[in-house]
Amino acid sequence: MNCSLSNASAACNFSNILPNTTSSSTDTAATTVLNDKQKVRIFIYVLSIILSWIGNSLVILVSYLNRQSLSSCRILMAHLAITNLLFSVRLPFQIRIELNHGAWEWGVWYCKVMHGFSSASLLASIETVTVIAIERYRGISKPYAPKWTKTHLIASIVLVWLVALITYTPYMYYINIHGTYCYDIYPTPTAQKVYSIVLFTFRYVIPLTILSYCYFTIGLIVHRRPTRVSTHQNQTTENFRKRENIRIIRILVIIVVAFALLTAPTSIWWLWYDFGGSGGAVALDLIEVFAAFLYLHSAINPIIYGIMDKQFKKGVSDLFAMVCKCCSSARNSPLNGDNHNDPSSGKVVTFASKAV
């Protein structure tokens, strides 16, 4: 078993708990137990691939079709889908590693870049959720302030990726091929502990602090703000804006809670382990079970959209209707005939809302 297999985004050193190849009877029993766990993990990986690749691709596609009318929040949600999709690209490699009993077979370059970049994508998704919270906090607390421009959005996304890539540069540097395994070994135990604290801080302490403050304050503002009533039209618009903001807040809060539930055990376990927690084969099997659920987070967000976001559901419905019209037009039109009717012109995929 290798460190990178178990740990997508934390400092680790398995040089003291790698399987002992000299103990045949113990290894045989351990291998039998591990194979059962491998089957569970492979099932989770396959489920994550199906849900993440389909769900996040739909979010990206629907957002692209409505790119002219997307709000800042919706654009950031599309970027969140991109980071989730990039993180889940690693899953086929994970399945192959499981089938290969943990051995790495793609060389040093893939060992460093694939593990490092996918882990950076995980951090980028957390940072994107944080940026969305800040954008919502600003938009709701100061509704008449200037909206975020395209420059603000581009700068935010660039900053997210810079922080994510810089944070995981030490991980990419120290991860390497050791025997037949791909894992990271740090020069000293102190360096390993310091880096674990850095990752835990950037992945949990800072984001959760910002998220808690933003959403708590937003909740107070939304529920306490009086509805301005100057005309019936203004009252209707204000009520609609309030309902839309509350719905978006609910979606984002559920995304944060789902992420914390699926990823907190992995990060907390590694922090505990690096600071003297007991190791061994049982502990390694436990963290690999935790890590398997880590990948489910990349598939959770589009499911939440589909259940709670009416605009997204309508966008997906209109998208499939447009595809069906295209297929129907292709079947009914002559092979070499000209068809000037745009099958998409009669149906507009509506994903964005001006109130958001």
Protein backbone atom coordinates (compact mmCIF):
# COMPACT_ATOMS: atom_id res chain seq x y z
CA MET A 1 0.00 0.00 0.00
CA ASN A 2 1.33 3.41 -0.85
CA CYS A 3 0.89 6.80 0.67
CA SER A 4 -0.57 8.42 -2.40
CA LEU A 5 -3.19 5.73 -2.73
CA SER A 6 -4.48 6.47 0.71
CA ASN A 7 -3.85 10.15 0.93
CA ALA A 8 -4.96 12.57 -1.72
CA SER A 9 -3.95 15.68 0.09
CA ALA A 10 -1.97 15.32 3.29
CA ALA A 11 1.61 14.92 4.34
CA CYS A 12 2.51 11.34 5.08
CA ASN A 13 5.31 8.86 5.50
CA PHE A 14 4.62 5.15 5.25
CA SER A 15 8.20 3.96 5.37
CA ASN A 16 7.53 2.45 8.79
CA ILE A 17 4.21 0.74 8.03
CA LEU A 18 4.58 -0.61 4.49
CA PRO A 19 3.72 -4.30 4.10
CA ASN A 20 6.36 -6.71 5.33
CA THR A 21 7.14 -9.02 2.46
CA THR A 22 8.99 -11.51 4.68
CA SER A 23 5.97 -12.66 6.66
CA SER A 24 4.06 -15.05 4.41
CA SER A 25 1.27 -16.21 6.74
CA THR A 26 0.48 -12.74 8.02
CA ASP A 27 0.57 -11.28 4.52
CA THR A 28 -1.79 -13.93 3.21
CA ALA A 29 -4.42 -13.13 5.85
CA ALA A 30 -3.91 -9.39 5.45
CA THR A 31 -4.20 -9.67 1.69
CA THR A 32 -7.52 -11.50 2.01
CA VAL A 33 -8.92 -8.76 4.26
CA LEU A 34 -7.48 -6.06 2.04
CA ASN A 35 -9.07 -7.55 -1.07
CA ASP A 36 -12.49 -7.25 0.55
CA LYS A 37 -11.80 -3.60 1.30
CA GLN A 38 -10.43 -3.09 -2.18
CA LYS A 39 -13.75 -4.23 -3.61
CA VAL A 40 -15.58 -1.66 -1.51
CA ARG A 41 -13.18 1.08 -2.54
CA ILE A 42 -13.38 0.16 -6.21
CA PHE A 43 -17.17 0.27 -6.01
CA ILE A 44 -16.96 3.76 -4.47
CA TYR A 45 -14.48 4.86 -7.16
CA VAL A 46 -16.71 3.62 -9.98
CA LEU A 47 -19.77 5.25 -8.40
CA SER A 48 -17.82 8.50 -8.02
CA ILE A 49 -16.70 8.40 -11.66
CA ILE A 50 -20.26 7.94 -12.93
CA LEU A 51 -21.81 10.59 -10.71
CA SER A 52 -18.99 13.12 -10.92
CA TRP A 53 -18.28 12.94 -14.64
CA ILE A 54 -21.95 13.07 -15.64
CA GLY A 55 -23.13 15.55 -12.99
CA ASN A 56 -20.28 18.04 -13.18
CA SER A 57 -20.24 17.87 -16.99
CA LEU A 58 -23.93 18.82 -17.00
CA VAL A 59 -23.25 21.80 -14.72
CA ILE A 60 -20.44 22.97 -17.01
CA LEU A 61 -22.44 22.43 -20.20
CA VAL A 62 -25.60 24.16 -18.96
CA SER A 63 -23.48 27.04 -17.67
CA TYR A 64 -21.71 27.34 -21.01
CA LEU A 65 -24.99 27.46 -22.93
CA ASN A 66 -26.08 30.32 -20.67
CA ARG A 67 -22.71 32.07 -20.52
CA GLN A 68 -24.16 35.42 -21.65
CA SER A 69 -26.56 35.65 -18.69
CA LEU A 70 -24.69 33.94 -15.86
CA SER A 71 -24.36 35.80 -12.58
CA SER A 72 -21.05 35.90 -10.70
CA CYS A 73 -22.25 33.22 -8.29
CA ARG A 74 -23.25 30.91 -11.16
CA ILE A 75 -19.89 31.38 -12.87
CA LEU A 76 -18.10 30.41 -9.67
CA MET A 77 -20.38 27.38 -9.34
CA ALA A 78 -19.35 26.35 -12.85
CA HIS A 79 -15.71 26.71 -11.82
CA LEU A 80 -16.45 24.55 -8.77
CA ALA A 81 -17.75 21.85 -11.14
CA ILE A 82 -14.52 22.12 -13.15
CA THR A 83 -12.36 21.62 -10.05
CA ASN A 84 -14.48 18.63 -9.00
CA LEU A 85 -14.13 17.13 -12.46
CA LEU A 86 -10.35 17.62 -12.46
CA PHE A 87 -10.08 15.95 -9.07
CA SER A 88 -12.12 12.95 -10.23
CA VAL A 89 -9.84 12.41 -13.26
CA ARG A 90 -7.55 10.60 -10.84
CA LEU A 91 -10.10 7.88 -10.13
CA PRO A 92 -9.28 5.50 -13.04
CA PHE A 93 -5.68 5.48 -11.80
CA GLN A 94 -6.92 4.66 -8.30
CA ILE A 95 -8.90 1.69 -9.63
CA ARG A 96 -5.84 0.38 -11.46
CA ILE A 97 -3.73 0.79 -8.30
CA GLU A 98 -6.28 -1.20 -6.31
CA LEU A 99 -6.24 -3.98 -8.90
CA ASN A 100 -2.43 -3.88 -8.86
CA HIS A 101 -2.27 -4.24 -5.03
CA GLY A 102 -0.93 -0.72 -4.55
CA ALA A 103 1.97 -0.90 -7.01
CA TRP A 104 2.63 2.17 -9.17
CA GLU A 105 3.40 1.54 -12.84
CA TRP A 106 3.35 4.94 -14.61
CA GLY A 107 6.75 6.37 -13.72
CA VAL A 108 7.99 9.30 -11.64
CA TRP A 109 6.43 12.09 -13.74
CA TYR A 110 2.89 10.78 -13.35
CA CYS A 111 3.56 10.00 -9.70
CA LYS A 112 4.42 13.64 -9.02
CA VAL A 113 2.15 15.52 -11.40
CA MET A 114 -1.00 13.39 -11.29
CA HIS A 115 -1.11 13.11 -7.50
CA GLY A 116 0.01 16.70 -6.95
CA PHE A 117 -2.37 18.29 -9.45
CA SER A 118 -5.41 16.27 -8.36
CA SER A 119 -4.71 17.19 -4.73
CA ALA A 120 -4.38 20.85 -5.74
CA SER A 121 -7.74 20.53 -7.51
CA LEU A 122 -9.28 19.37 -4.24
CA LEU A 123 -7.95 22.45 -2.46
CA ALA A 124 -9.10 24.65 -5.37
CA SER A 125 -12.65 23.34 -4.95
CA ILE A 126 -12.60 24.24 -1.24
CA GLU A 127 -11.27 27.70 -2.02
CA THR A 128 -13.93 28.17 -4.70
CA VAL A 129 -16.69 27.40 -2.21
CA THR A 130 -15.05 29.99 0.07
CA VAL A 131 -14.94 32.60 -2.70
CA ILE A 132 -18.62 31.93 -3.46
CA ALA A 133 -19.43 32.60 0.20
CA ILE A 134 -17.52 35.89 0.09
CA GLU A 135 -19.27 36.91 -3.15
CA ARG A 136 -22.69 36.07 -1.69
CA TYR A 137 -21.85 37.91 1.55
CA ARG A 138 -20.88 41.03 -0.39
CA GLY A 139 -23.87 40.81 -2.73
CA ILE A 140 -26.43 40.38 0.07
CA SER A 141 -24.91 42.70 2.68
CA LYS A 142 -24.40 45.45 0.08
CA PRO A 143 -27.11 44.86 -2.55
CA TYR A 144 -26.59 48.22 -4.25
CA ALA A 145 -22.80 48.03 -4.42
CA PRO A 146 -21.22 47.43 -7.85
CA LYS A 147 -21.36 43.79 -8.95
CA TRP A 148 -18.23 41.76 -9.41
CA THR A 149 -16.84 42.34 -12.89
CA LYS A 150 -15.27 39.80 -15.19
CA THR A 151 -11.87 41.06 -14.01
CA HIS A 152 -12.79 40.33 -10.38
CA LEU A 153 -13.91 36.80 -11.28
CA ILE A 154 -10.78 36.04 -13.32
CA ALA A 155 -8.55 37.40 -10.56
CA SER A 156 -10.38 35.28 -7.96
CA ILE A 157 -10.04 32.09 -10.01
CA VAL A 158 -6.35 32.75 -10.76
CA LEU A 159 -5.70 33.40 -7.05
CA VAL A 160 -7.50 30.17 -6.12
CA TRP A 161 -5.25 28.12 -8.40
CA LEU A 162 -2.07 29.95 -7.37
CA VAL A 163 -2.72 29.23 -3.70
CA ALA A 164 -3.65 25.60 -4.41
CA LEU A 165 -0.59 24.90 -6.57
CA ILE A 166 1.84 26.69 -4.25
CA THR A 167 0.43 24.85 -1.23
CA TYR A 168 0.99 21.47 -2.87
CA THR A 169 4.44 22.25 -4.34
CA PRO A 170 6.24 20.56 -1.38
CA TYR A 171 4.01 17.50 -1.82
CA MET A 172 4.88 17.28 -5.52
CA TYR A 173 8.57 17.74 -4.70
CA TYR A 174 8.85 15.04 -2.05
CA ILE A 175 6.54 12.44 -3.59
CA ASN A 176 8.52 9.88 -5.56
CA ILE A 177 8.82 6.23 -6.54
CA HIS A 178 10.08 4.09 -3.66
CA GLY A 179 10.41 0.52 -4.78
CA THR A 180 7.11 -0.20 -6.50
CA TYR A 181 5.14 2.42 -4.57
CA CYS A 182 4.46 6.13 -5.11
CA TYR A 183 4.43 8.08 -1.85
CA ASP A 184 6.04 11.09 -0.17
CA ILE A 185 8.86 11.04 2.38
CA TYR A 186 9.88 14.28 4.08
CA PRO A 187 13.44 15.08 5.23
CA THR A 188 12.57 15.22 8.95
CA PRO A 189 9.59 14.33 11.15
CA THR A 190 9.32 18.02 12.05
CA ALA A 191 8.98 19.00 8.40
CA GLN A 192 6.25 16.40 8.00
CA LYS A 193 4.34 17.75 11.01
CA VAL A 194 4.67 21.37 9.90
CA TYR A 195 3.40 20.57 6.44
CA SER A 196 0.44 18.62 7.86
CA ILE A 197 -0.49 21.68 9.94
CA VAL A 198 -0.21 23.91 6.86
CA LEU A 199 -2.52 21.65 4.85
CA PHE A 200 -5.01 21.33 7.68
CA THR A 201 -5.05 25.11 8.10
CA PHE A 202 -5.55 25.89 4.41
CA ARG A 203 -8.04 23.09 3.84
CA TYR A 204 -10.19 23.44 6.96
CA VAL A 205 -9.38 26.14 9.51
CA ILE A 206 -9.32 29.16 7.18
CA PRO A 207 -12.16 28.07 4.83
CA LEU A 208 -14.52 26.96 7.59
CA THR A 209 -13.88 30.14 9.56
CA ILE A 210 -14.73 32.30 6.54
CA LEU A 211 -17.71 30.15 5.57
CA SER A 212 -19.15 30.17 9.09
CA TYR A 213 -18.87 33.93 9.40
CA CYS A 214 -20.25 34.67 5.93
CA TYR A 215 -23.26 32.35 6.10
CA PHE A 216 -24.13 33.23 9.68
CA THR A 217 -24.07 36.93 8.83
CA ILE A 218 -25.98 36.37 5.59
CA GLY A 219 -28.67 34.46 7.46
CA LEU A 220 -29.13 37.33 9.88
CA ILE A 221 -29.29 39.88 7.07
CA VAL A 222 -31.79 37.94 4.97
CA HIS A 223 -34.18 37.33 7.86
CA ARG A 224 -33.91 40.79 9.42
CA ARG A 225 -33.89 42.96 6.32
CA PRO A 226 -37.32 44.60 5.82
CA THR A 227 -38.95 44.35 2.43
CA ARG A 228 -39.00 47.70 0.68
CA VAL A 229 -42.52 48.44 -0.54
CA SER A 230 -42.78 51.43 -2.86
CA THR A 231 -44.78 49.80 -5.63
CA HIS A 232 -46.34 46.41 -6.14
CA GLN A 233 -43.73 45.60 -8.79
CA ASN A 234 -40.84 46.51 -6.48
CA GLN A 235 -42.34 44.39 -3.70
CA THR A 236 -42.66 41.39 -6.03
CA THR A 237 -39.09 41.81 -7.25
CA GLU A 238 -37.76 42.18 -3.71
CA ASN A 239 -39.60 39.07 -2.50
CA PHE A 240 -38.35 37.06 -5.47
CA ARG A 241 -34.78 38.23 -4.84
CA LYS A 242 -35.03 37.22 -1.20
CA ARG A 243 -36.35 33.74 -2.04
CA GLU A 244 -33.59 33.23 -4.60
CA ASN A 245 -30.89 34.30 -2.15
CA ILE A 246 -32.24 31.99 0.55
CA ARG A 247 -32.29 29.08 -1.91
CA ILE A 248 -28.71 29.71 -3.01
CA ILE A 249 -27.58 29.94 0.60
CA ARG A 250 -29.23 26.59 1.39
CA ILE A 251 -27.49 24.95 -1.56
CA LEU A 252 -24.07 26.30 -0.57
CA VAL A 253 -24.49 25.40 3.10
CA ILE A 254 -25.40 21.82 2.17
CA ILE A 255 -22.35 21.68 -0.14
CA VAL A 256 -20.12 22.75 2.75
CA VAL A 257 -21.68 20.26 5.20
CA ALA A 258 -21.44 17.39 2.70
CA PHE A 259 -17.82 18.20 1.98
CA ALA A 260 -16.93 18.37 5.68
CA LEU A 261 -18.59 15.03 6.42
CA LEU A 262 -16.80 13.26 3.57
CA THR A 263 -13.34 14.78 3.95
CA ALA A 264 -12.90 15.67 7.62
CA PRO A 265 -12.10 12.08 8.77
CA THR A 266 -9.19 11.83 6.31
CA SER A 267 -7.56 15.12 7.25
CA ILE A 268 -8.07 14.68 11.00
CA TRP A 269 -6.70 11.13 10.85
CA TRP A 270 -3.54 12.27 9.10
CA LEU A 271 -2.98 15.11 11.53
CA TRP A 272 -3.41 12.66 14.42
CA TYR A 273 -1.10 10.12 12.79
CA ASP A 274 1.68 12.63 12.03
CA PHE A 275 1.67 13.77 15.65
CA GLY A 276 2.18 10.32 17.16
CA GLY A 277 -0.98 8.35 16.52
CA SER A 278 -0.59 4.58 16.31
CA GLY A 279 0.25 3.17 12.90
CA GLY A 280 0.26 -0.31 11.47
CA ALA A 281 -1.67 -2.24 8.86
CA VAL A 282 -5.05 -1.78 10.56
CA ALA A 283 -4.58 2.00 10.70
CA LEU A 284 -3.51 2.04 7.07
CA ASP A 285 -6.62 0.10 6.03
CA LEU A 286 -8.75 2.55 8.01
CA ILE A 287 -7.33 5.63 6.30
CA GLU A 288 -7.81 4.01 2.89
CA VAL A 289 -11.50 3.54 3.66
CA PHE A 290 -11.70 7.20 4.68
CA ALA A 291 -9.85 8.22 1.50
CA ALA A 292 -12.27 6.30 -0.71
CA PHE A 293 -15.15 8.41 0.60
CA LEU A 294 -13.06 11.51 -0.04
CA TYR A 295 -13.64 11.07 -3.76
CA LEU A 296 -17.41 11.05 -3.36
CA HIS A 297 -17.30 14.76 -2.60
CA SER A 298 -16.57 15.51 -6.26
CA ALA A 299 -19.92 13.92 -7.16
CA ILE A 300 -22.01 15.50 -4.40
CA ASN A 301 -22.34 19.07 -5.70
CA PRO A 302 -24.24 18.38 -8.96
CA ILE A 303 -26.61 16.07 -7.06
CA ILE A 304 -27.34 18.90 -4.63
CA TYR A 305 -27.95 21.23 -7.59
CA GLY A 306 -30.31 18.72 -9.15
CA ILE A 307 -32.35 18.29 -5.98
CA MET A 308 -32.52 21.88 -4.73
CA ASP A 309 -31.88 24.26 -7.63
CA LYS A 310 -34.97 24.77 -9.81
CA GLN A 311 -33.00 26.81 -12.35
CA PHE A 312 -30.46 24.03 -12.82
CA LYS A 313 -33.17 21.38 -13.11
CA LYS A 314 -34.92 23.45 -15.76
CA GLY A 315 -31.62 24.02 -17.54
CA VAL A 316 -30.91 20.28 -17.70
CA SER A 317 -34.49 19.58 -18.85
CA ASP A 318 -34.23 22.19 -21.60
CA LEU A 319 -30.83 20.83 -22.62
CA PHE A 320 -32.20 17.32 -23.12
CA ALA A 321 -35.22 18.75 -24.96
CA MET A 322 -32.85 20.61 -27.27
CA VAL A 323 -30.82 17.44 -27.92
CA CYS A 324 -34.01 15.47 -28.66
CA LYS A 325 -35.12 18.16 -31.13
CA CYS A 326 -31.75 18.03 -32.85
CA CYS A 327 -31.95 14.24 -33.16
CA SER A 328 -35.54 14.44 -34.43
CA SER A 329 -34.64 17.10 -37.00
CA ALA A 330 -31.68 15.04 -38.19
CA ARG A 331 -33.88 11.98 -38.72
CA ASN A 332 -36.66 13.87 -40.49
CA SER A 333 -34.56 16.08 -42.76
CA PRO A 334 -33.21 14.88 -46.17
CA LEU A 335 -29.65 13.60 -46.10
CA ASN A 336 -28.29 16.38 -48.29
CA GLY A 337 -31.04 18.94 -47.73
CA ASP A 338 -30.64 22.33 -46.15
CA ASN A 339 -32.40 22.94 -42.89
CA HIS A 340 -32.25 26.52 -41.73
CA ASN A 341 -34.36 25.97 -38.65
CA ASP A 342 -32.30 26.13 -35.47
CA PRO A 343 -33.69 23.43 -33.19
CA SER A 344 -32.42 25.33 -30.19
CA SER A 345 -34.10 28.60 -31.08
CA GLY A 346 -37.48 27.54 -29.77
CA LYS A 347 -36.14 26.58 -26.35
CA VAL A 348 -33.80 28.60 -24.21
CA VAL A 349 -31.85 26.79 -21.54
CA THR A 350 -32.44 28.89 -18.44
CA PHE A 351 -29.93 28.37 -15.67
CA ALA A 352 -29.20 31.85 -14.37
CA SER A 353 -31.43 34.18 -12.47
CA LYS A 354 -30.93 37.91 -12.39
CA ALA A 355 -31.97 37.93 -8.75
CA VAL A 356 -28.97 35.81 -7.74
